[in-house]
Amino acid sequence: MIIVKEYRGHIRNWEALCRELGIDASLTREAREEAILVKAYETWGYDMADHMYGMFAFALWDDEAQKLFCLRDQFGTKPFYYYQTADGKLLYGTTIRKIMEQPGFVKELNEEMLQIYLSLTYVAGEDTFFKGVKKLLPGRYLIWQDGKITVKRYWKPEFHPDDSKTLEEWADEIHTTIRKIMPEVKTEDEVAESFLSGGVDSSYVLAMSDAQTVDSCGYEEERFDESILAEKTAELLGRKMSRRIVTPEEYFDIVPFVMYNMEQPLGDASAIVFTLGCKAAAEHTKLCYSGEGADEFFGGYNMYRNAERYGENLKNFYVGNTNIMKEDEKKKILKHYDENVLPIHLVKDLYEEMEGLDPLSKMSNIDIQIWLEGDIYLNVDKMSTAVGLEIRMPLTDRRIFDIASRLPSKYKVNEEQNKVAFRTAASKVLPDEIAFRKKLGFIVPIRIWMADDRYNQDVRAKFNSKMAEQFFNVDEINAIFDDYVGGNSDNWRKVWTIYTFLVWYEEYFVKR
């Protein structure tokens, strides 16, 4: 007998799987998806994820074999953690807090992660800030039997550029595939809204969807406000707009809520705004589309245009989308610095398996395996769940990645543009002014808010606390903060990363 012990996610191709596996398609979603997991395991065993599209992490207990089988989807859109107790028991779940509540768990800080965090601003790799708690990484499954843990990798991103097609042919394939996927993302009786920024990804998803209402966040500071562009897109596509103006007061007020529900610190300033956006959307819907995945698959970041220039040197420094503190700076500010704990070690094995790939494919591969899992998908899952909203990401799909894996780099970036083929596909349903709009990113006015004494008092207090003294040379971190307040706005990310760690630490090791 196979028992579903843990499951979080959404299986897209459930109709086809129900037909193939002989499952009653009229079951409730929960019963249907649990039945799919059981039947898929009985039919395909450890290869079951090869037959499934969607977002999922789960644990199945095989009663006959006395074996636990846990699996996380190919991109890591849903989290999964595990911990072995001193007496050999395995604790596991899609949240760390569930593990912490179980007998045998010992809460200890893994301080080594702080050194990594200060560079990356997120928790990368399989280790976490809780000693002994590990992430099951994307594309892996775990078997626990007779007290022994075995982790195997069943999928990894691979790139095989195909030069036989024209740009227009690639755009056609992207567009046709998205059109095929969209009806799977929700059932006919579900009503979804769609998050919308000023960018092409969310605009394309909206244009291809049946969402009648869009949700966007904006600010009183117009130079940071993408919701103005979003409103024009919504109007053009004939959709209603729900716009949430974010104030600095509520931004700072919700930081502890975000760090607690994130379960690990995250120094991505957009995560706070995303949480407020999720809260606002949850007031009138339970389901939203979002456009994550396309940037990493199709060459969306401006720095990707420098890939050829970096060349073979990439393996010496590129660990993903963010790298905000260098080692000499961390040596100055940390009380406990270990020369052997370096971010680049996280990707050493990845570079070895990417020998022969072009530089852009290498950068993309690192971001898919490190940054997406550690920052983007973590944020989407944790914050939407915290406020009772479900988010589905149509562009994060193996069928979409399959196209990106074959797409030559020249159709991803050129000197003038990023995401060339993807934008060309989007232009089939969007005007060029939207499809080819320059990438803005999810901009937050934090760089000016945090320098304002009306809003930064908790930052100052945390930087001068006994808590901070445990980890940092307080004079050094305050020098960074003072330099930032004095006009060096480039330091805002460093200040924010230190602050978010301290807020998280207070939530998990001081208050509780």
Protein backbone atom coordinates (compact mmCIF):
# COMPACT_ATOMS: atom_id res chain seq x y z
CA MET A 1 0.00 0.00 0.00
CA ILE A 2 1.25 3.47 -0.93
CA ILE A 3 0.29 6.35 1.37
CA VAL A 4 0.70 10.06 0.55
CA LYS A 5 2.39 11.49 3.64
CA GLU A 6 3.11 14.97 2.33
CA TYR A 7 2.12 16.86 -0.81
CA ARG A 8 2.22 20.42 -2.00
CA GLY A 9 1.63 21.53 -5.55
CA HIS A 10 -0.45 21.43 -8.70
CA ILE A 11 -0.26 18.74 -11.41
CA ARG A 12 -0.95 20.34 -14.79
CA ASN A 13 -1.46 17.34 -17.02
CA TRP A 14 -3.89 15.68 -14.60
CA GLU A 15 -6.49 14.96 -17.28
CA ALA A 16 -4.05 12.97 -19.43
CA LEU A 17 -2.70 11.19 -16.35
CA CYS A 18 -6.20 10.28 -15.16
CA ARG A 19 -6.92 8.69 -18.54
CA GLU A 20 -3.60 6.86 -18.64
CA LEU A 21 -3.70 5.65 -15.04
CA GLY A 22 -7.41 4.85 -14.86
CA ILE A 23 -8.31 7.50 -12.26
CA ASP A 24 -11.77 9.02 -11.90
CA ALA A 25 -11.36 12.58 -13.23
CA SER A 26 -14.44 13.77 -11.34
CA LEU A 27 -12.71 13.41 -7.96
CA THR A 28 -11.95 16.57 -5.99
CA ARG A 29 -8.60 18.13 -6.84
CA GLU A 30 -7.02 16.91 -3.59
CA ALA A 31 -8.26 13.32 -4.00
CA ARG A 32 -7.42 13.30 -7.71
CA GLU A 33 -3.85 14.51 -7.28
CA GLU A 34 -3.18 12.11 -4.41
CA ALA A 35 -4.50 9.28 -6.55
CA ILE A 36 -2.21 10.37 -9.39
CA LEU A 37 0.83 10.31 -7.09
CA VAL A 38 0.02 6.82 -5.84
CA LYS A 39 -0.77 5.35 -9.28
CA ALA A 40 2.19 7.08 -10.93
CA TYR A 41 4.53 5.61 -8.31
CA GLU A 42 3.02 2.15 -8.74
CA THR A 43 3.30 2.43 -12.53
CA TRP A 44 6.62 4.21 -13.08
CA GLY A 45 8.38 4.04 -9.73
CA TYR A 46 11.27 6.46 -9.31
CA ASP A 47 10.74 7.74 -12.88
CA MET A 48 7.26 9.08 -12.12
CA ALA A 49 8.24 12.76 -12.35
CA ASP A 50 9.19 12.25 -16.01
CA HIS A 51 5.47 11.85 -16.71
CA MET A 52 4.25 14.85 -14.71
CA TYR A 53 4.09 18.55 -15.53
CA GLY A 54 3.53 21.16 -12.86
CA MET A 55 4.74 22.29 -9.46
CA PHE A 56 5.15 19.66 -6.75
CA ALA A 57 6.99 18.27 -3.76
CA PHE A 58 5.77 15.15 -1.98
CA ALA A 59 6.54 12.17 0.25
CA LEU A 60 5.08 8.68 -0.29
CA TRP A 61 5.27 5.82 2.20
CA ASP A 62 5.59 2.37 0.65
CA ASP A 63 4.15 0.17 3.38
CA GLU A 64 5.15 -3.13 1.81
CA ALA A 65 8.79 -2.15 1.30
CA GLN A 66 8.88 -0.05 4.51
CA LYS A 67 10.35 2.76 2.44
CA LEU A 68 9.81 6.52 2.20
CA PHE A 69 10.06 8.12 -1.25
CA CYS A 70 10.29 11.93 -1.42
CA LEU A 71 10.56 13.99 -4.60
CA ARG A 72 10.90 17.63 -5.58
CA ASP A 73 10.01 18.90 -9.05
CA GLN A 74 12.60 19.64 -11.71
CA PHE A 75 12.91 23.37 -10.97
CA GLY A 76 12.21 23.40 -7.23
CA THR A 77 9.03 25.46 -7.37
CA LYS A 78 7.85 23.83 -4.13
CA PRO A 79 10.17 23.36 -1.13
CA PHE A 80 11.04 20.12 0.65
CA TYR A 81 13.21 19.71 3.76
CA TYR A 82 14.50 16.81 5.80
CA TYR A 83 16.37 16.24 9.08
CA GLN A 84 17.74 13.11 10.72
CA THR A 85 17.46 12.98 14.50
CA ALA A 86 20.13 11.68 16.87
CA ASP A 87 18.27 8.37 17.16
CA GLY A 88 18.04 7.95 13.37
CA LYS A 89 14.46 9.07 12.78
CA LEU A 90 13.78 11.06 9.60
CA LEU A 91 11.78 14.27 9.96
CA TYR A 92 10.56 15.80 6.70
CA GLY A 93 8.08 18.22 5.21
CA THR A 94 7.42 21.13 2.87
CA THR A 95 7.99 23.57 5.75
CA ILE A 96 10.85 23.81 8.22
CA ARG A 97 8.41 24.68 11.00
CA LYS A 98 6.69 21.32 10.60
CA ILE A 99 10.05 19.63 11.18
CA MET A 100 10.82 21.86 14.16
CA GLU A 101 7.57 20.84 15.88
CA GLN A 102 8.44 17.12 15.89
CA PRO A 103 10.15 15.16 18.69
CA GLY A 104 13.88 14.80 18.20
CA PHE A 105 14.49 18.12 16.48
CA VAL A 106 17.25 20.23 18.03
CA LYS A 107 17.24 23.88 17.01
CA GLU A 108 20.75 25.15 16.31
CA LEU A 109 21.97 27.95 14.08
CA ASN A 110 24.13 27.00 11.13
CA GLU A 111 26.29 30.12 11.25
CA GLU A 112 28.28 29.17 8.15
CA MET A 113 25.24 30.10 6.07
CA LEU A 114 25.54 33.73 7.15
CA GLN A 115 28.82 34.01 5.27
CA ILE A 116 27.15 32.73 2.08
CA TYR A 117 24.04 34.83 2.67
CA LEU A 118 25.96 38.10 2.88
CA SER A 119 27.10 37.56 -0.71
CA LEU A 120 24.04 35.99 -2.30
CA THR A 121 21.20 37.51 -0.18
CA TYR A 122 19.44 34.11 -0.16
CA VAL A 123 20.09 30.56 1.03
CA ALA A 124 21.68 28.61 -1.81
CA GLY A 125 22.50 24.92 -1.97
CA GLU A 126 21.24 22.06 0.18
CA ASP A 127 22.16 23.42 3.61
CA THR A 128 19.94 25.80 5.57
CA PHE A 129 20.33 28.22 8.46
CA PHE A 130 19.17 25.42 10.78
CA LYS A 131 21.95 22.96 11.52
CA GLY A 132 21.06 19.53 10.18
CA VAL A 133 18.03 20.69 8.18
CA LYS A 134 18.68 20.10 4.49
CA LYS A 135 16.79 21.02 1.35
CA LEU A 136 15.99 18.34 -1.15
CA LEU A 137 17.35 20.13 -4.20
CA PRO A 138 15.41 20.48 -7.47
CA GLY A 139 15.32 17.44 -9.74
CA ARG A 140 16.16 15.08 -6.86
CA TYR A 141 14.38 12.31 -5.04
CA LEU A 142 15.15 10.90 -1.61
CA ILE A 143 14.73 7.32 -0.40
CA TRP A 144 14.73 6.52 3.31
CA GLN A 145 14.86 2.84 4.14
CA ASP A 146 16.37 0.89 7.04
CA GLY A 147 17.51 4.16 8.60
CA LYS A 148 19.57 5.11 5.54
CA ILE A 149 19.08 8.23 3.36
CA THR A 150 19.82 8.05 -0.36
CA VAL A 151 19.45 11.17 -2.54
CA LYS A 152 19.53 10.83 -6.34
CA ARG A 153 19.28 13.32 -9.14
CA TYR A 154 16.68 12.39 -11.74
CA TRP A 155 16.79 15.55 -13.89
CA LYS A 156 19.11 18.43 -14.65
CA PRO A 157 19.01 21.30 -17.14
CA GLU A 158 20.86 20.45 -20.34
CA PHE A 159 21.55 22.72 -23.30
CA HIS A 160 21.85 21.55 -26.90
CA PRO A 161 21.69 24.60 -29.22
CA ASP A 162 20.04 23.98 -32.58
CA ASP A 163 21.06 26.39 -35.36
CA SER A 164 18.68 24.98 -37.95
CA LYS A 165 15.72 27.30 -37.23
CA THR A 166 15.03 30.96 -37.90
CA LEU A 167 14.08 33.45 -35.20
CA GLU A 168 10.48 33.42 -36.40
CA GLU A 169 10.34 29.62 -36.25
CA TRP A 170 11.59 29.68 -32.65
CA ALA A 171 9.03 32.35 -31.77
CA ASP A 172 6.28 30.21 -33.30
CA GLU A 173 7.34 27.21 -31.20
CA ILE A 174 7.39 29.27 -28.00
CA HIS A 175 3.98 30.76 -28.73
CA THR A 176 2.38 27.45 -29.72
CA THR A 177 3.72 25.75 -26.59
CA ILE A 178 2.46 28.47 -24.24
CA ARG A 179 -0.92 28.32 -25.95
CA LYS A 180 -0.98 24.54 -25.29
CA ILE A 181 0.05 24.89 -21.65
CA MET A 182 -2.29 27.70 -20.58
CA PRO A 183 -5.52 25.61 -20.49
CA GLU A 184 -3.75 23.12 -18.19
CA VAL A 185 -2.79 25.75 -15.62
CA LYS A 186 -6.32 25.84 -14.19
CA THR A 187 -9.62 24.01 -14.57
CA GLU A 188 -12.64 25.60 -16.24
CA ASP A 189 -14.43 26.11 -12.94
CA GLU A 190 -11.49 27.93 -11.32
CA VAL A 191 -11.28 31.72 -11.55
CA ALA A 192 -7.79 33.20 -11.68
CA GLU A 193 -6.42 36.71 -11.63
CA SER A 194 -2.97 37.63 -12.87
CA PHE A 195 -0.07 39.58 -11.39
CA LEU A 196 1.09 42.28 -13.78
CA SER A 197 4.20 44.46 -13.80
CA GLY A 198 5.50 46.61 -16.61
CA GLY A 199 7.48 43.71 -18.09
CA VAL A 200 6.89 41.37 -21.00
CA ASP A 201 6.66 38.11 -18.99
CA SER A 202 3.59 38.95 -16.92
CA SER A 203 2.07 40.83 -19.87
CA TYR A 204 2.44 37.79 -22.14
CA VAL A 205 0.95 35.47 -19.51
CA LEU A 206 -1.99 37.85 -19.11
CA ALA A 207 -2.56 38.12 -22.85
CA MET A 208 -2.63 34.32 -23.17
CA SER A 209 -4.88 33.79 -20.15
CA ASP A 210 -8.57 34.20 -19.36
CA ALA A 211 -7.87 36.34 -16.28
CA GLN A 212 -10.22 39.31 -16.22
CA THR A 213 -8.56 41.13 -13.31
CA VAL A 214 -4.92 42.03 -12.87
CA ASP A 215 -3.10 42.81 -9.63
CA SER A 216 -0.22 45.26 -9.46
CA CYS A 217 1.77 47.15 -6.83
CA GLY A 218 2.90 50.74 -7.15
CA TYR A 219 4.42 53.60 -5.17
CA GLU A 220 3.86 57.29 -4.72
CA GLU A 221 7.37 57.78 -6.14
CA GLU A 222 6.55 57.69 -9.86
CA ARG A 223 10.08 56.89 -11.05
CA PHE A 224 9.81 53.50 -9.30
CA ASP A 225 6.20 52.81 -10.20
CA GLU A 226 5.74 50.06 -12.80
CA SER A 227 2.02 49.87 -12.08
CA ILE A 228 1.47 52.86 -14.38
CA LEU A 229 2.78 50.76 -17.30
CA ALA A 230 0.81 47.76 -16.04
CA GLU A 231 -2.38 49.81 -16.06
CA LYS A 232 -1.84 50.72 -19.71
CA THR A 233 -1.30 47.05 -20.58
CA ALA A 234 -4.44 46.01 -18.70
CA GLU A 235 -6.47 48.69 -20.47
CA LEU A 236 -5.12 47.65 -23.85
CA LEU A 237 -6.07 44.00 -23.19
CA GLY A 238 -9.48 44.94 -21.80
CA ARG A 239 -8.85 43.69 -18.24
CA LYS A 240 -9.75 45.27 -14.92
CA MET A 241 -6.95 46.63 -12.75
CA SER A 242 -6.48 46.24 -8.99
CA ARG A 243 -3.64 48.55 -7.97
CA ARG A 244 -2.03 48.52 -4.52
CA ILE A 245 0.02 51.57 -3.49
CA VAL A 246 2.77 50.48 -1.09
CA THR A 247 3.84 52.95 1.60
CA PRO A 248 7.21 52.87 3.39
CA GLU A 249 5.46 52.47 6.76
CA GLU A 250 3.68 49.24 5.82
CA TYR A 251 6.75 48.02 3.95
CA PHE A 252 8.88 48.09 7.10
CA ASP A 253 6.05 46.95 9.37
CA ILE A 254 5.60 43.65 7.52
CA VAL A 255 9.29 42.64 7.41
CA PRO A 256 9.07 40.39 10.53
CA PHE A 257 5.99 38.64 9.10
CA VAL A 258 7.88 37.99 5.85
CA MET A 259 11.04 36.67 7.52
CA TYR A 260 9.06 34.40 9.83
CA ASN A 261 6.97 32.90 7.04
CA MET A 262 9.96 32.66 4.69
CA GLU A 263 11.52 30.42 7.38
CA GLN A 264 14.97 31.50 6.28
CA PRO A 265 16.25 35.04 5.72
CA LEU A 266 15.83 36.50 2.24
CA GLY A 267 17.53 39.76 1.31
CA ASP A 268 15.49 40.31 -1.85
CA ALA A 269 13.77 43.66 -1.19
CA SER A 270 11.07 42.89 -3.74
CA ALA A 271 9.87 40.00 -1.53
CA ILE A 272 8.31 42.49 0.89
CA VAL A 273 6.33 44.20 -1.87
CA PHE A 274 5.39 40.82 -3.31
CA THR A 275 3.94 39.85 0.08
CA LEU A 276 1.85 43.02 0.22
CA GLY A 277 0.71 42.32 -3.34
CA CYS A 278 -0.29 38.77 -2.39
CA LYS A 279 -2.21 40.04 0.64
CA ALA A 280 -4.09 42.52 -1.52
CA ALA A 281 -4.89 39.92 -4.19
CA ALA A 282 -6.06 37.40 -1.58
CA GLU A 283 -8.81 39.84 -0.58
CA HIS A 284 -10.66 39.06 -3.82
CA THR A 285 -9.20 35.84 -5.28
CA LYS A 286 -7.63 32.57 -4.22
CA LEU A 287 -5.69 31.97 -7.44
CA CYS A 288 -3.22 34.09 -9.42
CA TYR A 289 -0.94 33.65 -12.42
CA SER A 290 2.62 34.92 -12.27
CA GLY A 291 5.37 35.09 -14.89
CA GLU A 292 8.48 33.61 -13.24
CA GLY A 293 10.95 31.50 -15.21
CA ALA A 294 11.28 33.23 -18.55
CA ASP A 295 14.25 35.43 -17.60
CA GLU A 296 16.45 32.52 -16.61
CA PHE A 297 15.31 30.27 -19.47
CA PHE A 298 15.42 32.78 -22.32
CA GLY A 299 18.20 35.23 -21.36
CA GLY A 300 16.23 37.97 -19.66
CA TYR A 301 18.80 39.69 -17.47
CA ASN A 302 20.82 42.59 -18.82
CA MET A 303 24.06 41.11 -17.45
CA TYR A 304 23.60 38.10 -19.75
CA ARG A 305 24.63 40.38 -22.60
CA ASN A 306 28.13 40.36 -21.09
CA ALA A 307 28.37 36.57 -21.09
CA GLU A 308 30.82 36.30 -23.99
CA ARG A 309 33.05 38.91 -22.40
CA TYR A 310 33.24 36.86 -19.17
CA GLY A 311 34.12 33.70 -21.07
CA GLU A 312 36.02 31.03 -19.12
CA ASN A 313 36.44 33.41 -16.19
CA LEU A 314 32.81 32.76 -15.21
CA LYS A 315 33.73 29.71 -13.12
CA ASN A 316 35.90 31.91 -10.91
CA PHE A 317 33.21 34.35 -9.85
CA TYR A 318 29.68 33.75 -11.20
CA VAL A 319 27.49 32.17 -8.51
CA GLY A 320 24.19 33.60 -9.67
CA ASN A 321 22.21 36.76 -10.01
CA THR A 322 23.51 38.47 -6.88
CA ASN A 323 26.96 38.78 -5.33
CA ILE A 324 26.86 41.89 -3.17
CA MET A 325 29.67 41.41 -0.64
CA LYS A 326 33.20 40.36 -1.45
CA GLU A 327 35.29 38.22 0.87
CA ASP A 328 37.50 41.06 2.17
CA GLU A 329 34.42 42.98 3.27
CA LYS A 330 32.92 39.96 5.00
CA LYS A 331 36.20 39.39 6.85
CA LYS A 332 35.92 42.90 8.25
CA ILE A 333 32.35 42.71 9.43
CA LEU A 334 31.98 39.10 10.66
CA LYS A 335 33.04 37.96 14.12
CA HIS A 336 33.54 34.42 12.82
CA TYR A 337 34.91 34.24 9.29
CA ASP A 338 35.95 30.91 7.74
CA GLU A 339 38.31 31.07 4.75
CA ASN A 340 36.93 27.75 3.50
CA VAL A 341 33.30 28.87 3.23
CA LEU A 342 33.02 30.49 -0.18
CA PRO A 343 29.95 30.98 -2.42
CA ILE A 344 31.87 29.78 -5.46
CA HIS A 345 32.13 26.31 -3.89
CA LEU A 346 28.36 25.94 -4.29
CA VAL A 347 28.68 25.89 -8.07
CA LYS A 348 32.00 24.11 -8.58
CA ASP A 349 30.34 20.81 -9.55
CA LEU A 350 27.89 22.60 -11.83
CA TYR A 351 30.72 24.20 -13.80
CA GLU A 352 32.42 20.82 -14.17
CA GLU A 353 29.30 19.32 -15.73
CA MET A 354 28.91 22.35 -18.06
CA GLU A 355 32.28 21.97 -19.80
CA GLY A 356 31.90 22.91 -23.45
CA LEU A 357 28.79 25.06 -23.07
CA ASP A 358 28.79 28.67 -24.26
CA PRO A 359 29.06 31.35 -21.51
CA LEU A 360 25.41 32.44 -21.68
CA SER A 361 24.17 28.87 -21.24
CA LYS A 362 26.45 28.51 -18.23
CA MET A 363 25.08 31.67 -16.60
CA SER A 364 21.54 30.59 -17.32
CA ASN A 365 22.18 27.12 -15.92
CA ILE A 366 23.63 28.48 -12.68
CA ASP A 367 20.65 30.80 -12.22
CA ILE A 368 18.11 28.04 -12.94
CA GLN A 369 19.69 25.71 -10.38
CA ILE A 370 20.77 28.18 -7.70
CA TRP A 371 18.96 31.52 -7.90
CA LEU A 372 15.50 30.41 -9.00
CA GLU A 373 15.23 27.78 -6.28
CA GLY A 374 16.86 29.80 -3.51
CA ASP A 375 15.17 33.15 -4.09
CA ILE A 376 12.42 33.45 -6.69
CA TYR A 377 10.44 30.23 -6.18
CA LEU A 378 10.95 30.29 -2.42
CA ASN A 379 9.47 33.78 -2.26
CA VAL A 380 6.51 32.91 -4.49
CA ASP A 381 5.64 29.77 -2.56
CA LYS A 382 6.17 30.98 1.00
CA MET A 383 4.54 34.37 0.74
CA SER A 384 1.51 33.30 -1.25
CA THR A 385 0.92 30.42 1.15
CA ALA A 386 1.29 32.72 4.16
CA VAL A 387 -1.65 34.87 3.04
CA GLY A 388 -3.87 32.10 1.64
CA LEU A 389 -3.21 32.66 -2.06
CA GLU A 390 -2.25 30.05 -4.64
CA ILE A 391 0.11 31.11 -7.43
CA ARG A 392 0.69 29.18 -10.64
CA MET A 393 3.54 30.00 -12.99
CA PRO A 394 2.72 28.98 -16.61
CA LEU A 395 6.20 29.82 -17.93
CA THR A 396 7.93 27.49 -15.47
CA ASP A 397 7.38 24.27 -17.34
CA ARG A 398 9.68 21.59 -18.74
CA ARG A 399 8.11 22.06 -22.17
CA ILE A 400 9.05 25.73 -22.10
CA PHE A 401 12.54 24.95 -20.87
CA ASP A 402 12.92 22.32 -23.60
CA ILE A 403 12.64 25.11 -26.17
CA ALA A 404 15.05 27.35 -24.25
CA SER A 405 17.55 24.47 -24.00
CA ARG A 406 17.68 24.20 -27.80
CA LEU A 407 17.53 27.92 -28.53
CA PRO A 408 20.87 29.36 -29.71
CA SER A 409 22.24 32.15 -27.53
CA LYS A 410 22.03 34.63 -30.41
CA TYR A 411 18.23 34.37 -30.13
CA LYS A 412 18.36 34.95 -26.40
CA VAL A 413 20.47 38.11 -26.22
CA ASN A 414 22.13 40.49 -28.65
CA GLU A 415 23.78 43.88 -28.26
CA GLU A 416 20.48 45.75 -28.16
CA GLN A 417 18.02 43.34 -26.57
CA ASN A 418 17.51 40.44 -24.17
CA LYS A 419 14.98 37.59 -24.49
CA VAL A 420 14.92 38.15 -28.25
CA ALA A 421 12.96 35.04 -29.32
CA PHE A 422 10.64 35.21 -26.32
CA ARG A 423 9.79 38.85 -27.03
CA THR A 424 9.23 38.01 -30.68
CA ALA A 425 6.76 35.35 -29.58
CA ALA A 426 5.05 37.79 -27.21
CA SER A 427 4.69 40.32 -30.02
CA LYS A 428 2.13 37.99 -31.62
CA VAL A 429 -0.38 39.06 -28.94
CA LEU A 430 1.17 42.26 -27.58
CA PRO A 431 2.13 45.53 -29.26
CA ASP A 432 5.86 45.99 -29.81
CA GLU A 433 6.03 48.77 -27.21
CA ILE A 434 5.20 46.16 -24.54
CA ALA A 435 6.82 43.06 -26.06
CA PHE A 436 10.15 44.84 -26.61
CA ARG A 437 10.09 47.17 -23.62
CA LYS A 438 13.43 47.41 -21.83
CA LYS A 439 13.64 45.19 -18.74
CA LEU A 440 13.05 47.22 -15.59
CA GLY A 441 13.14 44.57 -12.88
CA PHE A 442 10.87 44.63 -9.86
CA ILE A 443 12.03 48.03 -8.58
CA VAL A 444 11.50 49.01 -4.93
CA PRO A 445 12.16 52.50 -3.51
CA ILE A 446 13.92 50.92 -0.52
CA ARG A 447 17.20 52.59 -1.48
CA ILE A 448 15.68 55.96 -0.63
CA TRP A 449 13.27 54.86 2.12
CA MET A 450 15.92 53.22 4.27
CA ALA A 451 18.05 56.36 4.32
CA ASP A 452 15.13 58.29 5.84
CA ASP A 453 15.16 58.53 9.65
CA ARG A 454 11.38 58.31 9.67
CA TYR A 455 11.59 54.69 8.52
CA ASN A 456 15.00 53.30 9.46
CA GLN A 457 14.82 53.34 13.26
CA ASP A 458 14.47 49.57 13.54
CA VAL A 459 17.44 49.14 11.21
CA ARG A 460 19.53 51.36 13.49
CA ALA A 461 18.33 49.52 16.58
CA LYS A 462 19.13 46.10 15.10
CA PHE A 463 22.59 47.24 13.96
CA ASN A 464 23.41 48.33 17.52
CA SER A 465 21.84 45.41 19.37
CA LYS A 466 23.44 42.69 21.49
CA MET A 467 22.02 40.33 18.91
CA ALA A 468 24.16 41.98 16.21
CA GLU A 469 27.23 41.79 18.44
CA GLN A 470 27.01 37.98 18.37
CA PHE A 471 27.76 37.93 14.66
CA PHE A 472 29.13 41.27 13.52
CA ASN A 473 31.74 43.84 14.33
CA VAL A 474 29.14 46.47 15.11
CA ASP A 475 31.38 49.44 14.29
CA GLU A 476 31.99 48.02 10.82
CA ILE A 477 28.35 47.40 9.92
CA ASN A 478 27.40 50.82 11.24
CA ALA A 479 30.11 52.36 9.08
CA ILE A 480 28.42 50.74 6.04
CA PHE A 481 25.04 52.03 7.22
CA ASP A 482 26.35 55.56 7.87
CA ASP A 483 28.05 55.63 4.47
CA TYR A 484 24.73 54.63 2.89
CA VAL A 485 22.72 57.26 4.79
CA GLY A 486 25.39 59.80 3.91
CA GLY A 487 24.72 59.37 0.22
CA ASN A 488 26.36 56.15 -1.00
CA SER A 489 23.14 54.49 -2.16
CA ASP A 490 25.11 51.55 -3.59
CA ASN A 491 25.38 50.25 -0.02
CA TRP A 492 21.66 49.77 0.45
CA ARG A 493 21.74 46.09 -0.50
CA LYS A 494 24.44 45.38 2.08
CA VAL A 495 22.48 47.16 4.79
CA TRP A 496 19.26 45.38 3.83
CA THR A 497 20.91 41.94 3.75
CA ILE A 498 22.37 42.37 7.23
CA TYR A 499 19.05 43.74 8.52
CA THR A 500 16.92 40.91 7.12
CA PHE A 501 19.21 38.33 8.71
CA LEU A 502 18.86 40.07 12.09
CA VAL A 503 15.06 40.28 11.78
CA TRP A 504 14.91 36.58 10.88
CA TYR A 505 17.26 35.61 13.72
CA GLU A 506 15.14 37.53 16.21
CA GLU A 507 12.00 35.74 14.99
CA TYR A 508 13.46 32.25 15.30
CA PHE A 509 16.13 32.42 18.02
CA VAL A 510 15.16 35.31 20.31
CA LYS A 511 11.35 35.50 20.36
CA ARG A 512 10.79 31.74 20.14
